[in-house]
Amino acid sequence: MNKSPDGTKIHVQWLKKERKFYVPDNLKSGSPYVSEVSIESVMFSHVMSNVSYVGDRKGPYLLDRETKTMIMDAYVERDQNI
């Protein structure tokens, strides 16, 4: 995830789920699937743990139980305040 120069937009590389892991998603051309989004729309960042034995940036990545719980709690809190 990279911040834009003015700090209002960031580039997000998308992941896709494969079994219990997440791996970077790619376009048909093979290039990374990336979106530019407002920083204010991002709820969490840096929540994936790279579980590659060799530290390969391609992963796979894992979302740990504590992070899943934090995300679900945040949605519950949001829903209670709507």
Protein backbone atom coordinates (compact mmCIF):
# COMPACT_ATOMS: atom_id res chain seq x y z
CA MET A 1 0.00 0.00 0.00
CA ASN A 2 1.59 3.27 -1.11
CA LYS A 3 0.47 6.79 -0.20
CA SER A 4 -0.03 9.33 -2.95
CA PRO A 5 2.03 12.54 -2.74
CA ASP A 6 -0.90 14.56 -1.37
CA GLY A 7 -1.82 11.83 1.16
CA THR A 8 -5.47 11.57 0.19
CA LYS A 9 -5.25 8.52 -2.07
CA ILE A 10 -3.42 5.24 -1.66
CA HIS A 11 -2.71 2.34 -3.98
CA VAL A 12 -4.05 -0.98 -2.71
CA GLN A 13 -2.95 -4.31 -4.12
CA TRP A 14 -5.79 -6.78 -3.98
CA LEU A 15 -5.51 -10.29 -2.60
CA LYS A 16 -7.65 -13.31 -3.38
CA LYS A 17 -8.40 -16.25 -1.14
CA GLU A 18 -6.98 -19.65 -2.05
CA ARG A 19 -8.03 -22.26 0.46
CA LYS A 20 -7.19 -20.79 3.89
CA PHE A 21 -4.53 -18.41 2.54
CA TYR A 22 -4.52 -15.15 0.59
CA VAL A 23 -2.31 -14.46 -2.43
CA PRO A 24 -1.87 -11.34 -4.58
CA ASP A 25 -4.53 -11.08 -7.28
CA ASN A 26 -3.42 -10.34 -10.83
CA LEU A 27 -5.07 -9.06 -13.98
CA LYS A 28 -5.22 -11.34 -17.05
CA SER A 29 -2.07 -9.57 -18.27
CA GLY A 30 -0.22 -10.81 -15.17
CA SER A 31 0.21 -7.35 -13.65
CA PRO A 32 -0.94 -6.80 -10.06
CA TYR A 33 -4.59 -5.91 -9.49
CA VAL A 34 -4.27 -2.48 -7.88
CA SER A 35 -6.85 0.19 -7.03
CA GLU A 36 -6.42 3.80 -6.02
CA VAL A 37 -8.74 4.61 -3.10
CA SER A 38 -9.26 7.38 -0.59
CA ILE A 39 -7.25 6.88 2.59
CA GLU A 40 -10.46 7.62 4.51
CA SER A 41 -12.13 4.52 3.03
CA VAL A 42 -9.52 2.12 4.45
CA MET A 43 -10.64 0.45 7.66
CA PHE A 44 -7.48 -1.59 8.38
CA SER A 45 -4.00 -1.84 6.91
CA HIS A 46 -1.06 -4.22 7.30
CA VAL A 47 -3.26 -6.99 8.72
CA MET A 48 -1.86 -9.91 6.75
CA SER A 49 1.07 -12.07 7.88
CA ASN A 50 3.35 -13.41 5.17
CA VAL A 51 3.70 -17.13 5.87
CA SER A 52 6.06 -17.89 2.99
CA TYR A 53 8.96 -20.05 4.12
CA VAL A 54 11.33 -17.95 2.00
CA GLY A 55 9.77 -14.52 2.67
CA ASP A 56 8.50 -14.24 -0.90
CA ARG A 57 6.39 -11.08 -1.36
CA LYS A 58 3.91 -13.23 -3.32
CA GLY A 59 2.96 -14.91 -0.05
CA PRO A 60 0.91 -16.78 0.82
CA TYR A 61 -0.55 -14.53 3.50
CA LEU A 62 -2.69 -15.41 6.47
CA LEU A 63 -5.23 -13.35 8.38
CA ASP A 64 -4.81 -14.31 12.03
CA ARG A 65 -7.71 -14.98 14.39
CA GLU A 66 -7.14 -11.82 16.44
CA THR A 67 -7.31 -9.66 13.33
CA LYS A 68 -10.50 -11.39 12.17
CA THR A 69 -12.02 -10.70 15.60
CA MET A 70 -10.99 -7.01 15.44
CA ILE A 71 -12.58 -6.66 12.00
CA MET A 72 -15.83 -8.33 13.08
CA ASP A 73 -15.96 -6.20 16.26
CA ALA A 74 -15.48 -3.05 14.19
CA TYR A 75 -18.42 -4.02 11.96
CA VAL A 76 -20.61 -4.72 15.00
CA GLU A 77 -19.71 -1.31 16.47
CA ARG A 78 -20.43 0.39 13.15
CA ASP A 79 -23.78 -1.36 12.81
CA GLN A 80 -24.79 -0.31 16.33
CA ASN A 81 -24.10 3.34 15.46
CA ILE A 82 -26.10 3.45 12.24
